[in-house]
C-alpha atoms as a PDB file:
ATOM      1  CA  MET A   1     -21.493  -0.840 -13.023  1.00  0.00           C
ATOM      2  CA  ALA A   2     -18.205  -2.223 -13.965  1.00  0.00           C
ATOM      3  CA  ARG A   3     -16.688  -4.467 -11.736  1.00  0.00           C
ATOM      4  CA  LEU A   4     -13.984  -1.967 -10.336  1.00  0.00           C
ATOM      5  CA  ALA A   5     -16.279   0.888  -9.540  1.00  0.00           C
ATOM      6  CA  ALA A   6     -18.304  -1.884  -7.819  1.00  0.00           C
ATOM      7  CA  ALA A   7     -15.394  -2.922  -5.622  1.00  0.00           C
ATOM      8  CA  ARG A   8     -14.688   0.725  -4.751  1.00  0.00           C
ATOM      9  CA  THR A   9     -18.648   1.170  -3.164  1.00  0.00           C
ATOM     10  CA  ALA A  10     -17.993  -2.461  -1.636  1.00  0.00           C
ATOM     11  CA  PHE A  11     -14.677  -0.772   0.223  1.00  0.00           C
ATOM     12  CA  HIS A  12     -16.051   2.359   1.034  1.00  0.00           C
ATOM     13  CA  ALA A  13     -19.324   0.528   2.636  1.00  0.00           C
ATOM     14  CA  ALA A  14     -17.475  -1.823   4.057  1.00  0.00           C
ATOM     15  CA  LEU A  15     -15.489   1.343   5.833  1.00  0.00           C
ATOM     16  CA  LEU A  16     -18.666   2.682   5.803  1.00  0.00           C
ATOM     17  CA  ALA A  17     -19.198  -0.055   8.262  1.00  0.00           C
ATOM     18  CA  GLY A  18     -15.674  -0.355  10.296  1.00  0.00           C
ATOM     19  CA  PRO A  19     -13.516   2.609  10.789  1.00  0.00           C
ATOM     20  CA  LEU A  20     -15.078   5.744   9.341  1.00  0.00           C
ATOM     21  CA  THR A  21     -17.591   6.909  11.739  1.00  0.00           C
ATOM     22  CA  VAL A  22     -18.586  10.475  12.942  1.00  0.00           C
ATOM     23  CA  SER A  23     -19.005  11.055  16.798  1.00  0.00           C
ATOM     24  CA  ASP A  24     -21.703  12.522  18.199  1.00  0.00           C
ATOM     25  CA  ARG A  25     -19.411  16.402  17.539  1.00  0.00           C
ATOM     26  CA  GLY A  26     -20.100  15.363  14.143  1.00  0.00           C
ATOM     27  CA  ILE A  27     -16.074  15.144  13.413  1.00  0.00           C
ATOM     28  CA  PRO A  28     -15.213  12.072  11.197  1.00  0.00           C
ATOM     29  CA  SER A  29     -12.899   9.146  13.141  1.00  0.00           C
ATOM     30  CA  ASN A  30      -9.799  10.185  10.344  1.00  0.00           C
ATOM     31  CA  ALA A  31     -10.389  14.083  11.256  1.00  0.00           C
ATOM     32  CA  ASP A  32      -8.036  15.556  13.074  1.00  0.00           C
ATOM     33  CA  SER A  33     -10.343  16.910  15.891  1.00  0.00           C
ATOM     34  CA  SER A  34      -7.112  19.596  16.963  1.00  0.00           C
ATOM     35  CA  SER A  35      -7.360  21.454  12.926  1.00  0.00           C
ATOM     36  CA  ALA A  36     -11.229  22.541  10.875  1.00  0.00           C
ATOM     37  CA  PRO A  37      -9.380  22.595   7.273  1.00  0.00           C
ATOM     38  CA  SER A  38      -9.404  18.876   8.782  1.00  0.00           C
ATOM     39  CA  ARG A  39     -12.284  18.375  10.276  1.00  0.00           C
ATOM     40  CA  ARG A  40     -13.938  20.351   7.640  1.00  0.00           C
ATOM     41  CA  ILE A  41     -12.966  18.514   4.317  1.00  0.00           C
ATOM     42  CA  ALA A  42     -13.027  15.105   6.088  1.00  0.00           C
ATOM     43  CA  LEU A  43     -16.964  15.377   6.842  1.00  0.00           C
ATOM     44  CA  GLY A  44     -17.294  16.462   3.179  1.00  0.00           C
ATOM     45  CA  ILE A  45     -16.107  13.661   2.063  1.00  0.00           C
ATOM     46  CA  LEU A  46     -17.664  11.432   4.528  1.00  0.00           C
ATOM     47  CA  ASP A  47     -21.245  13.285   2.972  1.00  0.00           C
ATOM     48  CA  ARG A  48     -20.244  11.689  -0.815  1.00  0.00           C
ATOM     49  CA  LEU A  49     -19.499   7.878   0.544  1.00  0.00           C
ATOM     50  CA  GLY A  50     -22.747   7.252   1.900  1.00  0.00           C
ATOM     51  CA  PRO A  51     -24.753   7.548   5.004  1.00  0.00           C
ATOM     52  CA  SER A  52     -22.364   7.260   8.610  1.00  0.00           C
ATOM     53  CA  ARG A  53     -23.295   5.595  11.505  1.00  0.00           C
ATOM     54  CA  THR A  54     -22.238   7.715  15.112  1.00  0.00           C
ATOM     55  CA  ALA A  55     -20.034   6.084  17.484  1.00  0.00           C
ATOM     56  CA  VAL A  56     -17.274   6.081  19.321  1.00  0.00           C
ATOM     57  CA  LYS A  57     -13.998   6.255  17.397  1.00  0.00           C
ATOM     58  CA  LEU A  58     -12.122   3.530  17.594  1.00  0.00           C
ATOM     59  CA  PRO A  59      -7.961   3.332  18.870  1.00  0.00           C
ATOM     60  CA  GLY A  60      -5.383   4.332  16.784  1.00  0.00           C
ATOM     61  CA  GLN A  61      -4.149   0.961  16.021  1.00  0.00           C
ATOM     62  CA  THR A  62      -7.504  -0.979  15.984  1.00  0.00           C
ATOM     63  CA  ALA A  63      -8.008   2.038  12.900  1.00  0.00           C
ATOM     64  CA  GLY A  64      -5.392   0.984  11.048  1.00  0.00           C
ATOM     65  CA  ALA A  65      -5.239  -2.862  11.021  1.00  0.00           C
ATOM     66  CA  ASN A  66      -9.164  -2.970   9.622  1.00  0.00           C
ATOM     67  CA  PHE A  67      -7.808  -0.387   7.126  1.00  0.00           C
ATOM     68  CA  GLU A  68      -5.551  -3.086   6.231  1.00  0.00           C
ATOM     69  CA  THR A  69      -8.118  -4.846   6.658  1.00  0.00           C
ATOM     70  CA  LEU A  70     -10.279  -3.614   4.208  1.00  0.00           C
ATOM     71  CA  CYS A  71      -7.810  -2.708   1.630  1.00  0.00           C
ATOM     72  CA  ALA A  72      -6.745  -6.561   1.631  1.00  0.00           C
ATOM     73  CA  ALA A  73     -10.344  -7.817   0.608  1.00  0.00           C
ATOM     74  CA  PHE A  74     -10.049  -4.846  -1.368  1.00  0.00           C
ATOM     75  CA  LEU A  75      -6.989  -5.874  -3.969  1.00  0.00           C
ATOM     76  CA  GLU A  76      -8.491  -9.952  -3.124  1.00  0.00           C
ATOM     77  CA  GLU A  77     -11.548  -9.145  -4.941  1.00  0.00           C
ATOM     78  CA  ILE A  78      -9.698  -7.453  -7.850  1.00  0.00           C
ATOM     79  CA  LEU A  79      -6.533  -8.393  -8.495  1.00  0.00           C
ATOM     80  CA  PRO A  80      -7.891 -12.257  -9.712  1.00  0.00           C
ATOM     81  CA  ALA A  81      -9.748  -9.846 -11.904  1.00  0.00           C
ATOM     82  CA  LEU A  82      -7.037  -9.042 -13.769  1.00  0.00           C
ATOM     83  CA  ALA A  83      -4.987 -12.309 -14.339  1.00  0.00           C
ATOM     84  CA  HIS A  84      -5.662 -11.505 -17.826  1.00  0.00           C
ATOM     85  CA  LEU A  85      -3.139  -8.651 -17.959  1.00  0.00           C
ATOM     86  CA  ARG A  86       0.092 -10.028 -15.517  1.00  0.00           C
ATOM     87  CA  PRO A  87      -0.481 -14.144 -15.830  1.00  0.00           C
ATOM     88  CA  GLY A  88       1.184 -15.899 -12.780  1.00  0.00           C
ATOM     89  CA  ARG A  89      -0.225 -17.272  -9.303  1.00  0.00           C
ATOM     90  CA  PHE A  90      -0.301 -14.642  -6.543  1.00  0.00           C
ATOM     91  CA  GLU A  91      -0.582 -14.449  -3.311  1.00  0.00           C
ATOM     92  CA  ILE A  92      -2.389 -11.789  -1.114  1.00  0.00           C
ATOM     93  CA  ALA A  93      -1.058 -11.611   1.965  1.00  0.00           C
ATOM     94  CA  LYS A  94      -0.858  -9.299   5.266  1.00  0.00           C
ATOM     95  CA  GLY A  95       2.067  -8.513   7.613  1.00  0.00           C
ATOM     96  CA  GLY A  96       5.236 -11.164   8.190  1.00  0.00           C
ATOM     97  CA  GLY A  97       8.954  -9.809   7.571  1.00  0.00           C
ATOM     98  CA  ILE A  98      10.128  -9.361   3.907  1.00  0.00           C
ATOM     99  CA  ALA A  99      12.941 -11.799   4.513  1.00  0.00           C
ATOM    100  CA  ARG A 100      10.440 -15.001   2.895  1.00  0.00           C
ATOM    101  CA  PHE A 101      11.251 -13.535  -0.055  1.00  0.00           C
ATOM    102  CA  GLU A 102      13.904 -13.963  -2.651  1.00  0.00           C
ATOM    103  CA  GLN A 103      15.323 -10.571  -3.810  1.00  0.00           C
ATOM    104  CA  TYR A 104      15.884 -10.087   0.718  1.00  0.00           C
ATOM    105  CA  ALA A 105      16.392 -13.742   1.797  1.00  0.00           C
ATOM    106  CA  HIS A 106      19.914 -12.290   3.015  1.00  0.00           C
ATOM    107  CA  LEU A 107      18.481 -10.069   5.485  1.00  0.00           C
ATOM    108  CA  ASP A 108      17.661 -13.108   7.617  1.00  0.00           C
ATOM    109  CA  GLU A 109      21.466 -14.484   7.460  1.00  0.00           C
ATOM    110  CA  LEU A 110      22.093 -10.839   8.180  1.00  0.00           C
ATOM    111  CA  GLU A 111      19.925 -10.998  11.321  1.00  0.00           C
ATOM    112  CA  ALA A 112      21.563 -14.145  12.837  1.00  0.00           C
ATOM    113  CA  ILE A 113      25.049 -12.235  12.086  1.00  0.00           C
ATOM    114  CA  ALA A 114      24.272  -8.990  14.174  1.00  0.00           C
ATOM    115  CA  ARG A 115      22.009 -11.548  17.127  1.00  0.00           C
ATOM    116  CA  SER A 116      26.171 -12.987  17.949  1.00  0.00           C
ATOM    117  CA  ASN A 117      27.699 -10.403  17.843  1.00  0.00           C
ATOM    118  CA  ARG A 118      26.494  -7.180  19.313  1.00  0.00           C
ATOM    119  CA  ASP A 119      29.292  -4.362  17.789  1.00  0.00           C
ATOM    120  CA  ILE A 120      27.662  -5.732  14.151  1.00  0.00           C
ATOM    121  CA  ALA A 121      24.127  -5.133  15.409  1.00  0.00           C
ATOM    122  CA  THR A 122      24.947  -1.409  16.708  1.00  0.00           C
ATOM    123  CA  ALA A 123      26.927  -0.953  13.262  1.00  0.00           C
ATOM    124  CA  LEU A 124      24.158  -2.106  11.666  1.00  0.00           C
ATOM    125  CA  GLY A 125      20.527  -0.942  13.062  1.00  0.00           C
ATOM    126  CA  SER A 126      17.464  -3.114  12.645  1.00  0.00           C
ATOM    127  CA  ASP A 127      15.384  -0.248   9.721  1.00  0.00           C
ATOM    128  CA  TYR A 128      16.105  -2.978   7.609  1.00  0.00           C
ATOM    129  CA  LEU A 129      13.538  -5.589   9.643  1.00  0.00           C
ATOM    130  CA  ILE A 130      10.528  -4.135   7.545  1.00  0.00           C
ATOM    131  CA  LYS A 131       7.425  -6.221   7.827  1.00  0.00           C
ATOM    132  CA  PRO A 132       4.881  -4.132   5.584  1.00  0.00           C
ATOM    133  CA  ASP A 133       1.248  -4.052   5.910  1.00  0.00           C
ATOM    134  CA  ILE A 134       0.383  -5.849   3.054  1.00  0.00           C
ATOM    135  CA  VAL A 135       2.775  -8.180   0.993  1.00  0.00           C
ATOM    136  CA  ILE A 136       1.475  -9.170  -3.110  1.00  0.00           C
ATOM    137  CA  ALA A 137       4.075 -12.937  -3.301  1.00  0.00           C
ATOM    138  CA  ARG A 138       4.779 -14.316  -6.769  1.00  0.00           C
ATOM    139  CA  ARG A 139       4.780 -18.079  -6.658  1.00  0.00           C
ATOM    140  CA  PRO A 140       7.797 -19.201  -8.844  1.00  0.00           C
ATOM    141  CA  GLU A 141       7.051 -21.078 -11.713  1.00  0.00           C
ATOM    142  CA  PRO A 142       7.578 -24.512 -13.039  1.00  0.00           C
ATOM    143  CA  ASP A 143       9.164 -25.636 -15.953  1.00  0.00           C
ATOM    144  CA  ALA A 144       6.512 -27.474 -17.113  1.00  0.00           C
ATOM    145  CA  ALA A 145       4.521 -23.271 -16.756  1.00  0.00           C
ATOM    146  CA  ILE A 146       7.515 -21.515 -18.744  1.00  0.00           C
ATOM    147  CA  ASN A 147       7.984 -24.761 -21.233  1.00  0.00           C
ATOM    148  CA  ALA A 148       4.246 -25.119 -22.167  1.00  0.00           C
ATOM    149  CA  ARG A 149       4.075 -23.336 -25.759  1.00  0.00           C
ATOM    150  CA  GLU A 150       7.458 -24.059 -26.208  1.00  0.00           C
ATOM    151  CA  THR A 151      10.723 -25.867 -24.987  1.00  0.00           C
ATOM    152  CA  LEU A 152      12.121 -22.469 -23.744  1.00  0.00           C
ATOM    153  CA  VAL A 153      14.787 -23.627 -20.763  1.00  0.00           C
ATOM    154  CA  ASP A 154      16.203 -26.863 -19.613  1.00  0.00           C
ATOM    155  CA  ALA A 155      18.929 -28.104 -16.936  1.00  0.00           C
ATOM    156  CA  THR A 156      21.711 -25.577 -19.206  1.00  0.00           C
ATOM    157  CA  VAL A 157      20.256 -22.455 -19.289  1.00  0.00           C
ATOM    158  CA  ALA A 158      18.409 -19.908 -16.227  1.00  0.00           C
ATOM    159  CA  ARG A 159      19.968 -21.705 -13.909  1.00  0.00           C
ATOM    160  CA  HIS A 160      19.484 -18.520 -11.671  1.00  0.00           C
ATOM    161  CA  ALA A 161      16.172 -16.891 -12.616  1.00  0.00           C
ATOM    162  CA  SER A 162      14.818 -15.683 -10.458  1.00  0.00           C
ATOM    163  CA  ILE A 163      11.007 -16.274 -12.031  1.00  0.00           C
ATOM    164  CA  ARG A 164      12.389 -20.613 -12.285  1.00  0.00           C
ATOM    165  CA  ALA A 165      11.219 -23.066  -9.010  1.00  0.00           C
ATOM    166  CA  TRP A 166      14.074 -25.263 -10.463  1.00  0.00           C
ATOM    167  CA  ALA A 167      16.309 -23.228  -9.778  1.00  0.00           C
ATOM    168  CA  GLN A 168      15.458 -20.950  -6.586  1.00  0.00           C
ATOM    169  CA  PRO A 169      12.216 -22.046  -4.387  1.00  0.00           C
ATOM    170  CA  LEU A 170      11.727 -18.274  -2.834  1.00  0.00           C
ATOM    171  CA  ASP A 171       8.271 -16.458  -3.779  1.00  0.00           C
ATOM    172  CA  LEU A 172       9.377 -13.211  -5.084  1.00  0.00           C
ATOM    173  CA  LEU A 173       7.935  -9.761  -3.969  1.00  0.00           C
ATOM    174  CA  HIS A 174       6.105  -8.141  -6.106  1.00  0.00           C
ATOM    175  CA  ALA A 175       4.141  -5.549  -3.804  1.00  0.00           C
ATOM    176  CA  SER A 176       4.310  -4.286  -0.757  1.00  0.00           C
ATOM    177  CA  ILE A 177       2.373  -1.945   0.130  1.00  0.00           C
ATOM    178  CA  SER A 178       2.185  -0.027   3.526  1.00  0.00           C
ATOM    179  CA  CYS A 179      -1.496   1.328   4.580  1.00  0.00           C
ATOM    180  CA  LYS A 180      -2.404   5.265   6.964  1.00  0.00           C
ATOM    181  CA  TRP A 181      -5.577   5.848   8.231  1.00  0.00           C
ATOM    182  CA  THR A 182      -4.717   8.451   8.671  1.00  0.00           C
ATOM    183  CA  LEU A 183      -1.245  10.829   8.114  1.00  0.00           C
ATOM    184  CA  ARG A 184       1.147  12.346  10.991  1.00  0.00           C
ATOM    185  CA  SER A 185       4.535  13.581  10.219  1.00  0.00           C
ATOM    186  CA  ASP A 186       5.963   9.849  12.333  1.00  0.00           C
ATOM    187  CA  ARG A 187       3.579   7.964  10.093  1.00  0.00           C
ATOM    188  CA  ALA A 188       5.015   9.822   7.011  1.00  0.00           C
ATOM    189  CA  GLN A 189       8.579   8.988   7.505  1.00  0.00           C
ATOM    190  CA  ASN A 190       7.751   5.609   8.608  1.00  0.00           C
ATOM    191  CA  ALA A 191       6.726   4.749   4.731  1.00  0.00           C
ATOM    192  CA  ARG A 192       9.165   6.742   3.171  1.00  0.00           C
ATOM    193  CA  SER A 193      12.203   4.363   5.576  1.00  0.00           C
ATOM    194  CA  GLU A 194      10.254   1.748   4.915  1.00  0.00           C
ATOM    195  CA  GLY A 195       9.822   2.195   1.316  1.00  0.00           C
ATOM    196  CA  LEU A 196      14.018   2.759   1.153  1.00  0.00           C
ATOM    197  CA  ASN A 197      15.008   0.355   3.136  1.00  0.00           C
ATOM    198  CA  LEU A 198      13.185  -1.583   0.213  1.00  0.00           C
ATOM    199  CA  VAL A 199      14.893  -0.361  -2.421  1.00  0.00           C
ATOM    200  CA  ARG A 200      18.025  -0.329  -0.755  1.00  0.00           C
ATOM    201  CA  ASN A 201      18.550  -3.813   0.836  1.00  0.00           C
ATOM    202  CA  ARG A 202      17.237  -5.565  -1.806  1.00  0.00           C
ATOM    203  CA  LYS A 203      19.167  -8.117  -4.164  1.00  0.00           C
ATOM    204  CA  GLY A 204      16.892  -8.696  -8.102  1.00  0.00           C
ATOM    205  CA  ARG A 205      14.036  -6.434  -9.033  1.00  0.00           C
ATOM    206  CA  LEU A 206      12.424  -4.206  -6.875  1.00  0.00           C
ATOM    207  CA  PRO A 207       8.996  -5.258  -6.075  1.00  0.00           C
ATOM    208  CA  HIS A 208       5.945  -2.536  -6.514  1.00  0.00           C
ATOM    209  CA  VAL A 209       5.828  -0.407  -3.451  1.00  0.00           C
ATOM    210  CA  ALA A 210       2.917   1.828  -2.292  1.00  0.00           C
ATOM    211  CA  VAL A 211       1.127   3.871   0.170  1.00  0.00           C
ATOM    212  CA  VAL A 212      -2.757   3.853   0.899  1.00  0.00           C
ATOM    213  CA  THR A 213      -4.420   6.518   3.280  1.00  0.00           C
ATOM    214  CA  GLY A 214      -7.448   8.171   4.361  1.00  0.00           C
ATOM    215  CA  GLU A 215      -6.290  10.946   5.408  1.00  0.00           C
ATOM    216  CA  PRO A 216      -8.208  14.111   4.040  1.00  0.00           C
ATOM    217  CA  LEU A 217      -6.046  17.199   5.150  1.00  0.00           C
ATOM    218  CA  PRO A 218      -3.762  17.361   1.437  1.00  0.00           C
ATOM    219  CA  SER A 219      -0.466  18.834   2.848  1.00  0.00           C
ATOM    220  CA  ARG A 220      -0.098  15.585   4.903  1.00  0.00           C
ATOM    221  CA  ILE A 221      -0.125  14.016   2.235  1.00  0.00           C
ATOM    222  CA  ALA A 222       1.994  15.887   0.306  1.00  0.00           C
ATOM    223  CA  SER A 223       5.119  15.518   2.660  1.00  0.00           C
ATOM    224  CA  LEU A 224       4.300  12.189   1.664  1.00  0.00           C
ATOM    225  CA  ALA A 225       3.172  12.036  -1.872  1.00  0.00           C
ATOM    226  CA  LEU A 226       5.614  14.868  -3.246  1.00  0.00           C
ATOM    227  CA  GLY A 227       9.580  13.648  -3.874  1.00  0.00           C
ATOM    228  CA  THR A 228      10.556  10.344  -6.259  1.00  0.00           C
ATOM    229  CA  GLY A 229      12.817   7.814  -5.028  1.00  0.00           C
ATOM    230  CA  ASP A 230      10.904   6.255  -2.091  1.00  0.00           C
ATOM    231  CA  ILE A 231       7.277   5.366  -3.084  1.00  0.00           C
ATOM    232  CA  ASP A 232       5.212   5.038  -6.359  1.00  0.00           C
ATOM    233  CA  CYS A 233       2.722   6.440  -5.085  1.00  0.00           C
ATOM    234  CA  VAL A 234       0.679   7.698  -2.903  1.00  0.00           C
ATOM    235  CA  TYR A 235      -3.430   6.114  -3.345  1.00  0.00           C
ATOM    236  CA  HIS A 236      -6.478   8.040  -1.320  1.00  0.00           C
ATOM    237  CA  PHE A 237      -8.989   5.736  -0.214  1.00  0.00           C
ATOM    238  CA  ALA A 238     -11.949   8.327  -2.046  1.00  0.00           C
ATOM    239  CA  LEU A 239      -9.809  10.790  -3.860  1.00  0.00           C
ATOM    240  CA  PRO A 240     -12.751  11.757  -6.360  1.00  0.00           C
ATOM    241  CA  GLU A 241     -14.695  12.613  -3.586  1.00  0.00           C
ATOM    242  CA  LEU A 242     -11.510  14.539  -1.675  1.00  0.00           C
ATOM    243  CA  ARG A 243     -11.320  16.775  -4.416  1.00  0.00           C
ATOM    244  CA  ALA A 244     -15.084  17.773  -4.793  1.00  0.00           C
ATOM    245  CA  THR A 245     -15.250  18.263  -0.836  1.00  0.00           C
ATOM    246  CA  LEU A 246     -11.677  20.798  -1.799  1.00  0.00           C
ATOM    247  CA  ASP A 247     -13.969  22.091  -4.758  1.00  0.00           C
ATOM    248  CA  GLY A 248     -16.953  22.490  -2.738  1.00  0.00           C
ATOM    249  CA  THR A 249     -15.390  24.310  -0.097  1.00  0.00           C
ATOM    250  CA  GLY A 250     -13.467  26.678  -2.348  1.00  0.00           C
ATOM    251  CA  ASP A 251     -10.025  25.100  -0.376  1.00  0.00           C
ATOM    252  CA  GLU A 252      -8.052  26.731  -3.573  1.00  0.00           C
ATOM    253  CA  GLY A 253      -4.156  26.127  -1.735  1.00  0.00           C
ATOM    254  CA  TYR A 254      -5.415  23.180  -0.648  1.00  0.00           C
ATOM    255  CA  LEU A 255      -7.174  22.938  -4.037  1.00  0.00           C
ATOM    256  CA  ASP A 256      -3.944  23.555  -5.571  1.00  0.00           C
ATOM    257  CA  THR A 257      -1.621  21.236  -3.792  1.00  0.00           C
ATOM    258  CA  LEU A 258      -4.067  18.172  -4.324  1.00  0.00           C
ATOM    259  CA  ASP A 259      -3.754  19.005  -7.908  1.00  0.00           C
ATOM    260  CA  MET A 260       0.081  19.720  -8.014  1.00  0.00           C
ATOM    261  CA  MET A 261       0.363  15.697  -6.694  1.00  0.00           C
ATOM    262  CA  VAL A 262      -2.483  14.011  -9.714  1.00  0.00           C
ATOM    263  CA  GLU A 263      -0.670  15.666 -12.814  1.00  0.00           C
ATOM    264  CA  GLY A 264       2.458  15.157 -11.200  1.00  0.00           C
ATOM    265  CA  LYS A 265       1.851  11.364 -10.664  1.00  0.00           C
ATOM    266  CA  ARG A 266       2.581  11.351  -7.685  1.00  0.00           C
ATOM    267  CA  LEU A 267      -1.450  10.655  -5.835  1.00  0.00           C
ATOM    268  CA  LYS A 268      -4.280   8.757  -7.102  1.00  0.00           C
ATOM    269  CA  ASP A 269      -7.692   7.751  -6.204  1.00  0.00           C
ATOM    270  CA  ILE A 270      -8.075   3.831  -4.668  1.00  0.00           C
ATOM    271  CA  SER A 271      -8.987   2.582  -8.025  1.00  0.00           C
ATOM    272  CA  ASP A 272      -6.126   2.559  -9.673  1.00  0.00           C
ATOM    273  CA  LEU A 273      -4.057   0.416  -7.766  1.00  0.00           C
ATOM    274  CA  PRO A 274      -4.990  -2.750  -8.400  1.00  0.00           C
ATOM    275  CA  LEU A 275      -4.173  -1.746 -12.847  1.00  0.00           C
ATOM    276  CA  ASP A 276      -0.731   0.391 -11.453  1.00  0.00           C
ATOM    277  CA  LEU A 277       0.059  -3.759  -9.249  1.00  0.00           C
ATOM    278  CA  VAL A 278      -0.171  -5.365 -13.326  1.00  0.00           C
ATOM    279  CA  ALA A 279       1.532  -3.151 -15.287  1.00  0.00           C
END
């Protein structure tokens, strides 16, 4: 089995041992209990992933935090194996503000000004103070690494290059990943707002902006995936299993929506994410 396939299988096994359970009424924990299509599709995905546990559904915040942890662990397992495609010193972390990164360091100064002036604080709001679920940082490179093959830089050139540790010491935000165990309209809007603020408030290179979800309903995934400009792509925790379920249930409307998102490059599988991050 390919290493990425094995990591995907392990990711699903960890989900089945954690937040992905079924209630004593037969309702999967990522389903909307008030929606028959959600229950039906979620159960089809669960059947294809493996034996499930019957357990009390975790509180929303707990399930979401567990999902974030497992997504981060999946990336930590795979990204180092792709170092030959994207060399560099990368670090994966959960949470934390974006002002510690080079592209967004100015936001700390902005916040300090807002704290000292109520009128400015009112005008600015607080939407720019983003704390992504998962961040991938790239450390700036020392001149020894840049000049490893030949002398490319010295004190006279590239004096403001972000990747050069000699020029600036802060990590670069390589990727911001939002993890949504399920999607409701407010959660989809929150992910969009985070993406837009990452675009608008940066100084320098835009990081990858991705969303990973365990939502079973294609219509709810579409509320986030369709459209461009705010996020790179939505990644589903079990896309082939979702499509196989829709094939089996004959949900033509949902199947058309799913195919539109996939063919439009707005929805991919979790296994696509590591490779997209090194593109």
